[in-house]
Each structure stands twice: as structure tokens, then as C-alpha cells.
């Protein structure tokens, strides 16, 4: 029997406090989804900052990205 896959939207797959990275097929960082309540707090978890620095050489304090 074939597996049935349920397709859900990107935002629907996230919990209220989840962050999401938008990455192209070539592995380029295209943007970042930040939860609504986090926008108000102006807070970025250290773990997310570390991923951006380690993988993309990006310093969130000085570099820019599209925020969704």
C-alpha cells in the first residue's frame, strides 16, 4: 500500500515559538521566519545565532536577512 503524505504549509508546521530558516535548493539562506511574539521581544536564541554564524558566516547583529 502506498504511503499517503499530508502536505501542510510552512507556517502550519511551526509551533508558536519555532523559528524557521528559508533555504534555496542551492543551500543559500533566503530568509528567516521569526514567531510573532518574538518580534515584540527583539530576542534571537543563541542557538539560532550560532547556526547562522557557523553555516552562513552571518552575524545577525550586523548582517541583514529577510524576516517573514
PDB file of N, CA and C in Angstrom:
ATOM      1  N   UNK A   1       0.838  -1.182   0.000  1.00  0.00           N
ATOM      2  CA  UNK A   1       0.000   0.000   0.000  1.00  0.00           C
ATOM      3  C   UNK A   1       0.889   1.254   0.000  1.00  0.00           C
ATOM      4  N   UNK A   2       0.563   2.200  -0.830  1.00  0.00           N
ATOM      5  CA  UNK A   2       1.355   3.425  -0.950  1.00  0.00           C
ATOM      6  C   UNK A   2       1.183   4.300   0.290  1.00  0.00           C
ATOM      7  N   UNK A   3       2.278   4.962   0.657  1.00  0.00           N
ATOM      8  CA  UNK A   3       2.210   5.904   1.782  1.00  0.00           C
ATOM      9  C   UNK A   3       1.469   7.156   1.350  1.00  0.00           C
ATOM     10  N   UNK A   4       0.555   7.591   2.168  1.00  0.00           N
ATOM     11  CA  UNK A   4      -0.150   8.842   1.896  1.00  0.00           C
ATOM     12  C   UNK A   4       0.525   9.933   2.707  1.00  0.00           C
ATOM     13  N   UNK A   5       0.923  10.991   2.034  1.00  0.00           N
ATOM     14  CA  UNK A   5       1.581  12.110   2.695  1.00  0.00           C
ATOM     15  C   UNK A   5       0.629  13.288   2.765  1.00  0.00           C
ATOM     16  N   UNK A   6       0.557  13.888   3.928  1.00  0.00           N
ATOM     17  CA  UNK A   6      -0.260  15.071   4.114  1.00  0.00           C
ATOM     18  C   UNK A   6       0.635  16.288   3.932  1.00  0.00           C
ATOM     19  N   UNK A   7       0.266  17.157   3.048  1.00  0.00           N
ATOM     20  CA  UNK A   7       1.048  18.352   2.774  1.00  0.00           C
ATOM     21  C   UNK A   7       0.493  19.513   3.600  1.00  0.00           C
ATOM     22  N   UNK A   8       1.367  20.155   4.371  1.00  0.00           N
ATOM     23  CA  UNK A   8       0.963  21.309   5.178  1.00  0.00           C
ATOM     24  C   UNK A   8       1.859  22.492   4.829  1.00  0.00           C
ATOM     25  N   UNK A   9       1.381  23.683   5.105  1.00  0.00           N
ATOM     26  CA  UNK A   9       2.168  24.875   4.795  1.00  0.00           C
ATOM     27  C   UNK A   9       3.320  25.021   5.775  1.00  0.00           C
ATOM     28  N   UNK A  10       4.297  25.798   5.388  1.00  0.00           N
ATOM     29  CA  UNK A  10       5.476  26.042   6.220  1.00  0.00           C
ATOM     30  C   UNK A  10       5.068  26.577   7.591  1.00  0.00           C
ATOM     31  N   UNK A  11       4.246  27.615   7.603  1.00  0.00           N
ATOM     32  CA  UNK A  11       3.845  28.221   8.878  1.00  0.00           C
ATOM     33  C   UNK A  11       3.008  27.270   9.728  1.00  0.00           C
ATOM     34  N   UNK A  12       2.186  26.446   9.089  1.00  0.00           N
ATOM     35  CA  UNK A  12       1.373  25.497   9.849  1.00  0.00           C
ATOM     36  C   UNK A  12       2.219  24.414  10.500  1.00  0.00           C
ATOM     37  N   UNK A  13       3.415  24.186   9.986  1.00  0.00           N
ATOM     38  CA  UNK A  13       4.282  23.151  10.543  1.00  0.00           C
ATOM     39  C   UNK A  13       5.031  23.623  11.783  1.00  0.00           C
ATOM     40  N   UNK A  14       4.967  24.921  12.074  1.00  0.00           N
ATOM     41  CA  UNK A  14       5.712  25.500  13.191  1.00  0.00           C
ATOM     42  C   UNK A  14       4.829  25.674  14.423  1.00  0.00           C
ATOM     43  N   UNK A  15       5.423  25.461  15.589  1.00  0.00           N
ATOM     44  CA  UNK A  15       4.754  25.787  16.845  1.00  0.00           C
ATOM     45  C   UNK A  15       4.896  27.287  17.098  1.00  0.00           C
ATOM     46  N   UNK A  16       4.222  27.792  18.122  1.00  0.00           N
ATOM     47  CA  UNK A  16       4.192  29.232  18.404  1.00  0.00           C
ATOM     48  C   UNK A  16       5.568  29.852  18.635  1.00  0.00           C
ATOM     49  N   UNK A  17       6.518  29.093  19.122  1.00  0.00           N
ATOM     50  CA  UNK A  17       7.841  29.654  19.435  1.00  0.00           C
ATOM     51  C   UNK A  17       8.939  29.152  18.504  1.00  0.00           C
ATOM     52  N   UNK A  18       8.562  28.482  17.404  1.00  0.00           N
ATOM     53  CA  UNK A  18       9.555  27.953  16.462  1.00  0.00           C
ATOM     54  C   UNK A  18      10.064  29.026  15.517  1.00  0.00           C
ATOM     55  N   UNK A  19      11.327  28.931  15.192  1.00  0.00           N
ATOM     56  CA  UNK A  19      11.953  29.746  14.163  1.00  0.00           C
ATOM     57  C   UNK A  19      12.083  28.869  12.919  1.00  0.00           C
ATOM     58  N   UNK A  20      12.176  29.465  11.747  1.00  0.00           N
ATOM     59  CA  UNK A  20      12.355  28.693  10.521  1.00  0.00           C
ATOM     60  C   UNK A  20      13.324  29.388   9.592  1.00  0.00           C
ATOM     61  N   UNK A  21      14.218  28.608   9.008  1.00  0.00           N
ATOM     62  CA  UNK A  21      15.148  29.150   8.020  1.00  0.00           C
ATOM     63  C   UNK A  21      14.629  28.780   6.642  1.00  0.00           C
ATOM     64  N   UNK A  22      14.670  29.722   5.716  1.00  0.00           N
ATOM     65  CA  UNK A  22      14.236  29.502   4.349  1.00  0.00           C
ATOM     66  C   UNK A  22      15.501  29.390   3.511  1.00  0.00           C
ATOM     67  N   UNK A  23      15.712  28.192   2.966  1.00  0.00           N
ATOM     68  CA  UNK A  23      16.956  27.867   2.271  1.00  0.00           C
ATOM     69  C   UNK A  23      16.643  27.450   0.842  1.00  0.00           C
ATOM     70  N   UNK A  24      17.401  27.979  -0.115  1.00  0.00           N
ATOM     71  CA  UNK A  24      17.185  27.645  -1.522  1.00  0.00           C
ATOM     72  C   UNK A  24      17.664  26.226  -1.815  1.00  0.00           C
ATOM     73  N   UNK A  25      17.329  25.736  -2.992  1.00  0.00           N
ATOM     74  CA  UNK A  25      17.773  24.407  -3.420  1.00  0.00           C
ATOM     75  C   UNK A  25      19.294  24.331  -3.510  1.00  0.00           C
ATOM     76  N   UNK A  26      19.945  25.480  -3.632  1.00  0.00           N
ATOM     77  CA  UNK A  26      21.408  25.525  -3.691  1.00  0.00           C
ATOM     78  C   UNK A  26      22.032  25.691  -2.312  1.00  0.00           C
ATOM     79  N   UNK A  27      21.202  25.731  -1.273  1.00  0.00           N
ATOM     80  CA  UNK A  27      21.715  25.857   0.093  1.00  0.00           C
ATOM     81  C   UNK A  27      21.927  27.286   0.559  1.00  0.00           C
ATOM     82  N   UNK A  28      21.483  28.250  -0.236  1.00  0.00           N
ATOM     83  CA  UNK A  28      21.631  29.651   0.143  1.00  0.00           C
ATOM     84  C   UNK A  28      20.526  30.048   1.119  1.00  0.00           C
ATOM     85  N   UNK A  29      20.887  30.811   2.138  1.00  0.00           N
ATOM     86  CA  UNK A  29      19.899  31.322   3.081  1.00  0.00           C
ATOM     87  C   UNK A  29      19.121  32.439   2.404  1.00  0.00           C
ATOM     88  N   UNK A  30      17.802  32.249   2.294  1.00  0.00           N
ATOM     89  CA  UNK A  30      16.964  33.241   1.638  1.00  0.00           C
ATOM     90  C   UNK A  30      16.214  34.112   2.633  1.00  0.00           C
ATOM     91  N   UNK A  31      15.970  33.595   3.820  1.00  0.00           N
ATOM     92  CA  UNK A  31      15.234  34.365   4.803  1.00  0.00           C
ATOM     93  C   UNK A  31      15.030  33.572   6.074  1.00  0.00           C
ATOM     94  N   UNK A  32      14.347  34.205   7.007  1.00  0.00           N
ATOM     95  CA  UNK A  32      14.122  33.582   8.294  1.00  0.00           C
ATOM     96  C   UNK A  32      12.717  33.918   8.775  1.00  0.00           C
ATOM     97  N   UNK A  33      12.041  32.918   9.313  1.00  0.00           N
ATOM     98  CA  UNK A  33      10.731  33.124   9.919  1.00  0.00           C
ATOM     99  C   UNK A  33      10.946  33.266  11.419  1.00  0.00           C
ATOM    100  N   UNK A  34      10.426  34.330  11.976  1.00  0.00           N
ATOM    101  CA  UNK A  34      10.516  34.580  13.417  1.00  0.00           C
ATOM    102  C   UNK A  34       9.087  34.643  13.956  1.00  0.00           C
ATOM    103  N   UNK A  35       8.801  33.899  15.024  1.00  0.00           N
ATOM    104  CA  UNK A  35       7.440  33.912  15.580  1.00  0.00           C
ATOM    105  C   UNK A  35       6.995  35.322  15.966  1.00  0.00           C
ATOM    106  N   UNK A  36       5.699  35.597  15.811  1.00  0.00           N
ATOM    107  CA  UNK A  36       5.157  36.929  16.091  1.00  0.00           C
ATOM    108  C   UNK A  36       5.533  37.437  17.477  1.00  0.00           C
ATOM    109  N   UNK A  37       5.384  36.617  18.499  1.00  0.00           N
ATOM    110  CA  UNK A  37       5.680  37.084  19.850  1.00  0.00           C
ATOM    111  C   UNK A  37       7.169  37.366  20.041  1.00  0.00           C
ATOM    112  N   UNK A  38       8.028  36.755  19.257  1.00  0.00           N
ATOM    113  CA  UNK A  38       9.463  37.014  19.359  1.00  0.00           C
ATOM    114  C   UNK A  38       9.815  38.365  18.747  1.00  0.00           C
ATOM    115  N   UNK A  39       9.082  38.780  17.708  1.00  0.00           N
ATOM    116  CA  UNK A  39       9.339  40.090  17.104  1.00  0.00           C
ATOM    117  C   UNK A  39       9.200  41.196  18.141  1.00  0.00           C
ATOM    118  N   UNK A  40       8.195  41.074  18.993  1.00  0.00           N
ATOM    119  CA  UNK A  40       7.956  42.094  20.003  1.00  0.00           C
ATOM    120  C   UNK A  40       9.052  42.100  21.073  1.00  0.00           C
ATOM    121  N   UNK A  41       9.634  40.936  21.332  1.00  0.00           N
ATOM    122  CA  UNK A  41      10.636  40.826  22.380  1.00  0.00           C
ATOM    123  C   UNK A  41      12.040  41.167  21.883  1.00  0.00           C
ATOM    124  N   UNK A  42      12.225  41.279  20.552  1.00  0.00           N
ATOM    125  CA  UNK A  42      13.531  41.570  19.976  1.00  0.00           C
ATOM    126  C   UNK A  42      14.582  40.606  20.528  1.00  0.00           C
ATOM    127  N   UNK A  43      14.271  39.310  20.444  1.00  0.00           N
ATOM    128  CA  UNK A  43      15.120  38.273  21.017  1.00  0.00           C
ATOM    129  C   UNK A  43      15.433  37.222  19.969  1.00  0.00           C
ATOM    130  N   UNK A  44      16.691  36.838  19.883  1.00  0.00           N
ATOM    131  CA  UNK A  44      17.107  35.773  18.987  1.00  0.00           C
ATOM    132  C   UNK A  44      17.857  34.740  19.820  1.00  0.00           C
ATOM    133  N   UNK A  45      17.367  33.492  19.859  1.00  0.00           N
ATOM    134  CA  UNK A  45      18.059  32.471  20.647  1.00  0.00           C
ATOM    135  C   UNK A  45      19.512  32.300  20.207  1.00  0.00           C
ATOM    136  N   UNK A  46      20.380  32.090  21.151  1.00  0.00           N
ATOM    137  CA  UNK A  46      21.805  31.917  20.884  1.00  0.00           C
ATOM    138  C   UNK A  46      22.040  30.761  19.902  1.00  0.00           C
ATOM    139  N   UNK A  47      21.245  29.701  20.017  1.00  0.00           N
ATOM    140  CA  UNK A  47      21.406  28.545  19.130  1.00  0.00           C
ATOM    141  C   UNK A  47      21.169  28.914  17.667  1.00  0.00           C
ATOM    142  N   UNK A  48      20.179  29.753  17.422  1.00  0.00           N
ATOM    143  CA  UNK A  48      19.892  30.197  16.050  1.00  0.00           C
ATOM    144  C   UNK A  48      21.029  31.086  15.557  1.00  0.00           C
ATOM    145  N   UNK A  49      21.486  31.984  16.395  1.00  0.00           N
ATOM    146  CA  UNK A  49      22.603  32.858  16.030  1.00  0.00           C
ATOM    147  C   UNK A  49      23.849  32.042  15.701  1.00  0.00           C
ATOM    148  N   UNK A  50      24.083  30.979  16.459  1.00  0.00           N
ATOM    149  CA  UNK A  50      25.252  30.131  16.234  1.00  0.00           C
ATOM    150  C   UNK A  50      25.150  29.388  14.905  1.00  0.00           C
ATOM    151  N   UNK A  51      23.960  28.880  14.575  1.00  0.00           N
ATOM    152  CA  UNK A  51      23.759  28.208  13.281  1.00  0.00           C
ATOM    153  C   UNK A  51      24.039  29.176  12.139  1.00  0.00           C
ATOM    154  N   UNK A  52      23.495  30.380  12.223  1.00  0.00           N
ATOM    155  CA  UNK A  52      23.699  31.370  11.165  1.00  0.00           C
ATOM    156  C   UNK A  52      25.176  31.713  11.007  1.00  0.00           C
ATOM    157  N   UNK A  53      25.885  31.814  12.108  1.00  0.00           N
ATOM    158  CA  UNK A  53      27.313  32.133  12.054  1.00  0.00           C
ATOM    159  C   UNK A  53      28.117  30.947  11.522  1.00  0.00           C
ATOM    160  N   UNK A  54      27.871  29.741  12.045  1.00  0.00           N
ATOM    161  CA  UNK A  54      28.652  28.568  11.650  1.00  0.00           C
ATOM    162  C   UNK A  54      28.432  28.166  10.197  1.00  0.00           C
ATOM    163  N   UNK A  55      27.187  28.168   9.755  1.00  0.00           N
ATOM    164  CA  UNK A  55      26.863  27.669   8.421  1.00  0.00           C
ATOM    165  C   UNK A  55      26.996  28.762   7.354  1.00  0.00           C
ATOM    166  N   UNK A  56      26.545  29.972   7.679  1.00  0.00           N
ATOM    167  CA  UNK A  56      26.477  31.029   6.676  1.00  0.00           C
ATOM    168  C   UNK A  56      27.462  32.174   6.907  1.00  0.00           C
ATOM    169  N   UNK A  57      28.233  32.114   8.000  1.00  0.00           N
ATOM    170  CA  UNK A  57      29.174  33.187   8.293  1.00  0.00           C
ATOM    171  C   UNK A  57      28.481  34.507   8.546  1.00  0.00           C
ATOM    172  N   UNK A  58      27.268  34.436   9.058  1.00  0.00           N
ATOM    173  CA  UNK A  58      26.428  35.618   9.235  1.00  0.00           C
ATOM    174  C   UNK A  58      26.375  36.034  10.699  1.00  0.00           C
ATOM    175  N   UNK A  59      26.578  37.303  10.938  1.00  0.00           N
ATOM    176  CA  UNK A  59      26.424  37.869  12.279  1.00  0.00           C
ATOM    177  C   UNK A  59      25.114  38.635  12.290  1.00  0.00           C
ATOM    178  N   UNK A  60      24.122  38.098  12.992  1.00  0.00           N
ATOM    179  CA  UNK A  60      22.774  38.673  12.985  1.00  0.00           C
ATOM    180  C   UNK A  60      22.760  40.120  13.473  1.00  0.00           C
ATOM    181  N   UNK A  61      23.746  40.498  14.257  1.00  0.00           N
ATOM    182  CA  UNK A  61      23.794  41.873  14.772  1.00  0.00           C
ATOM    183  C   UNK A  61      24.209  42.870  13.686  1.00  0.00           C
ATOM    184  N   UNK A  62      24.956  42.412  12.661  1.00  0.00           N
ATOM    185  CA  UNK A  62      25.455  43.336  11.654  1.00  0.00           C
ATOM    186  C   UNK A  62      24.990  43.034  10.240  1.00  0.00           C
ATOM    187  N   UNK A  63      24.600  41.778   9.957  1.00  0.00           N
ATOM    188  CA  UNK A  63      24.146  41.402   8.621  1.00  0.00           C
ATOM    189  C   UNK A  63      22.629  41.494   8.544  1.00  0.00           C
ATOM    190  N   UNK A  64      22.095  41.505   7.332  1.00  0.00           N
ATOM    191  CA  UNK A  64      20.647  41.593   7.193  1.00  0.00           C
ATOM    192  C   UNK A  64      20.116  40.342   6.497  1.00  0.00           C
ATOM    193  N   UNK A  65      18.837  40.068   6.762  1.00  0.00           N
ATOM    194  CA  UNK A  65      18.140  38.951   6.127  1.00  0.00           C
ATOM    195  C   UNK A  65      16.668  39.333   6.028  1.00  0.00           C
ATOM    196  N   UNK A  66      15.959  38.663   5.151  1.00  0.00           N
ATOM    197  CA  UNK A  66      14.520  38.879   5.034  1.00  0.00           C
ATOM    198  C   UNK A  66      13.833  38.164   6.172  1.00  0.00           C
ATOM    199  N   UNK A  67      13.021  38.882   6.919  1.00  0.00           N
ATOM    200  CA  UNK A  67      12.298  38.292   8.047  1.00  0.00           C
ATOM    201  C   UNK A  67      10.848  38.133   7.659  1.00  0.00           C
ATOM    202  N   UNK A  68      10.334  36.913   7.803  1.00  0.00           N
ATOM    203  CA  UNK A  68       8.943  36.606   7.443  1.00  0.00           C
ATOM    204  C   UNK A  68       8.121  36.389   8.672  1.00  0.00           C
TER     205      UNK A  68
END
